Amino acid sequence: MLFRSEVGAAAVIGGVAGLIGYFGVIMRPKTGLDDALDVFAVHGMGGIWGSIATGIFAVAAVGGEGKGGLLDGNPAQLGVQVMGVVATLVYSGVVSFIILKVLDVVMGLRPDEHTEAQGLDITAHGERAYVGDGAD
């Protein structure tokens, strides 16, 4: 079976990761999240899938006796992987929140609306980053 081989599983994991990243980039503007470079949409979502997929496709031949995944007869590994994803999301969220709050108090996270509307290239650096089509 294709999914039982390491190569087949890798192809499925990579293909699904590519689709998840693609749809994450498409869906991100609809969420209103401020992720200018689509880092979470691509790497975050792809990483979550990769971690969970490890619990599905892991094989004992690679991980050792009793270390296979769901398709190798060890559904507990899928649970372990999901718990790891949840713990990572909680930890990252809490730590990021603390860091962002400290930065907001110390120096602020965003410029005021007028400065942002003018563009930080002009207000912070004194020059235009690019020349527009004249519509601005």
Protein backbone atom coordinates (compact mmCIF):
# COMPACT_ATOMS: atom_id res chain seq x y z
CA MET A 1 0.00 0.00 0.00
CA LEU A 2 1.32 3.47 -0.93
CA PHE A 3 0.85 5.00 2.53
CA ARG A 4 2.70 2.17 4.25
CA SER A 5 6.01 2.98 2.58
CA GLU A 6 8.23 5.78 3.87
CA VAL A 7 8.44 7.34 0.39
CA GLY A 8 4.68 7.20 -0.16
CA ALA A 9 3.99 8.67 3.28
CA ALA A 10 6.52 11.44 2.70
CA ALA A 11 4.84 12.30 -0.61
CA VAL A 12 1.43 12.46 1.05
CA ILE A 13 2.72 14.52 3.98
CA GLY A 14 4.50 16.96 1.67
CA GLY A 15 1.59 17.23 -0.75
CA VAL A 16 -0.90 17.93 2.00
CA ALA A 17 1.51 20.43 3.60
CA GLY A 18 1.73 22.29 0.30
CA LEU A 19 -2.06 22.43 0.00
CA ILE A 20 -2.43 23.57 3.61
CA GLY A 21 0.12 26.36 3.06
CA TYR A 22 -1.58 27.44 -0.15
CA PHE A 23 -5.05 27.57 1.40
CA GLY A 24 -3.62 29.21 4.53
CA VAL A 25 -2.25 32.05 2.41
CA ILE A 26 -5.59 32.40 0.61
CA MET A 27 -7.63 32.33 3.84
CA ARG A 28 -5.38 34.55 5.96
CA PRO A 29 -6.71 37.88 4.60
CA LYS A 30 -10.26 36.74 5.44
CA THR A 31 -9.31 36.22 9.09
CA GLY A 32 -8.02 39.74 9.68
CA LEU A 33 -4.80 38.41 11.25
CA ASP A 34 -1.74 40.63 10.90
CA ASP A 35 0.70 38.18 9.30
CA ALA A 36 2.29 40.26 6.54
CA LEU A 37 4.63 37.52 5.33
CA ASP A 38 2.15 34.66 5.82
CA VAL A 39 4.59 32.98 8.19
CA PHE A 40 1.96 31.23 10.30
CA ALA A 41 -0.21 30.44 7.27
CA VAL A 42 2.64 28.52 5.68
CA HIS A 43 5.09 27.39 8.37
CA GLY A 44 2.74 27.27 11.35
CA MET A 45 -0.04 25.36 9.63
CA GLY A 46 2.42 23.15 7.74
CA GLY A 47 4.28 22.38 10.96
CA ILE A 48 1.07 21.49 12.76
CA TRP A 49 0.16 19.12 9.93
CA GLY A 50 3.66 17.62 9.88
CA SER A 51 3.56 16.92 13.61
CA ILE A 52 0.14 15.32 13.41
CA ALA A 53 1.11 13.39 10.28
CA THR A 54 4.02 11.91 12.20
CA GLY A 55 1.47 10.30 14.51
CA ILE A 56 -0.34 8.89 11.51
CA PHE A 57 2.51 7.67 9.29
CA ALA A 58 5.36 6.85 11.72
CA VAL A 59 6.77 3.35 11.28
CA ALA A 60 8.45 1.18 13.90
CA ALA A 61 11.25 0.43 11.43
CA VAL A 62 12.38 4.04 11.82
CA GLY A 63 11.32 4.94 15.38
CA GLY A 64 11.91 1.62 17.06
CA GLU A 65 9.70 -1.11 18.45
CA GLY A 66 6.35 0.28 19.60
CA LYS A 67 7.06 3.68 18.05
CA GLY A 68 4.94 3.35 14.92
CA GLY A 69 2.00 5.58 14.17
CA LEU A 70 -1.69 5.07 13.56
CA LEU A 71 -1.22 3.19 10.28
CA ASP A 72 1.44 1.02 11.89
CA GLY A 73 -0.96 -0.14 14.60
CA ASN A 74 -0.18 2.41 17.33
CA PRO A 75 -3.04 4.94 17.58
CA ALA A 76 -1.60 6.25 20.87
CA GLN A 77 1.20 7.94 18.91
CA LEU A 78 -1.36 10.14 17.14
CA GLY A 79 -2.62 11.27 20.55
CA VAL A 80 0.92 12.02 21.68
CA GLN A 81 1.51 14.14 18.57
CA VAL A 82 -1.75 16.06 18.98
CA MET A 83 -0.94 16.74 22.65
CA GLY A 84 2.48 18.01 21.57
CA VAL A 85 0.89 20.37 19.04
CA VAL A 86 -1.57 21.70 21.62
CA ALA A 87 1.18 22.19 24.22
CA THR A 88 3.34 24.01 21.67
CA LEU A 89 0.48 26.30 20.62
CA VAL A 90 -0.38 27.14 24.24
CA TYR A 91 3.24 27.76 25.22
CA SER A 92 3.98 29.84 22.12
CA GLY A 93 0.78 31.83 22.55
CA VAL A 94 1.42 32.65 26.22
CA VAL A 95 5.08 33.53 25.72
CA SER A 96 4.34 35.63 22.60
CA PHE A 97 1.58 37.47 24.48
CA ILE A 98 3.96 38.31 27.33
CA ILE A 99 6.72 39.46 24.97
CA LEU A 100 4.31 41.60 22.94
CA LYS A 101 2.84 43.20 26.07
CA VAL A 102 6.32 44.11 27.33
CA LEU A 103 7.27 45.55 23.94
CA ASP A 104 4.01 47.49 23.76
CA VAL A 105 4.68 49.07 27.17
CA VAL A 106 8.36 49.80 26.46
CA MET A 107 8.21 51.10 22.90
CA GLY A 108 4.79 50.48 21.43
CA LEU A 109 3.87 47.97 18.77
CA ARG A 110 2.24 50.19 16.16
CA PRO A 111 2.67 53.76 15.03
CA ASP A 112 -0.24 56.16 15.28
CA GLU A 113 -2.77 56.06 12.43
CA HIS A 114 -1.47 59.21 10.71
CA THR A 115 2.12 57.94 10.64
CA GLU A 116 1.03 54.53 9.40
CA ALA A 117 -1.14 56.08 6.67
CA GLN A 118 1.80 58.19 5.45
CA GLY A 119 4.03 55.14 5.39
CA LEU A 120 6.89 54.22 7.67
CA ASP A 121 9.34 54.41 4.80
CA ILE A 122 8.84 58.18 4.75
CA THR A 123 8.18 58.90 8.44
CA ALA A 124 10.86 56.63 9.91
CA HIS A 125 13.48 56.57 7.16
CA GLY A 126 12.91 59.83 5.30
CA GLU A 127 12.64 58.22 1.86
CA ARG A 128 10.18 56.36 -0.34
CA ALA A 129 10.64 52.60 -0.46
CA TYR A 130 9.13 52.43 -3.93
CA VAL A 131 7.54 54.70 -6.47
CA GLY A 132 3.82 54.08 -6.89
CA ASP A 133 1.70 54.53 -9.97
CA GLY A 134 0.73 58.07 -8.97
CA ALA A 135 -2.53 56.97 -7.37
CA ASP A 136 -1.22 57.64 -3.86
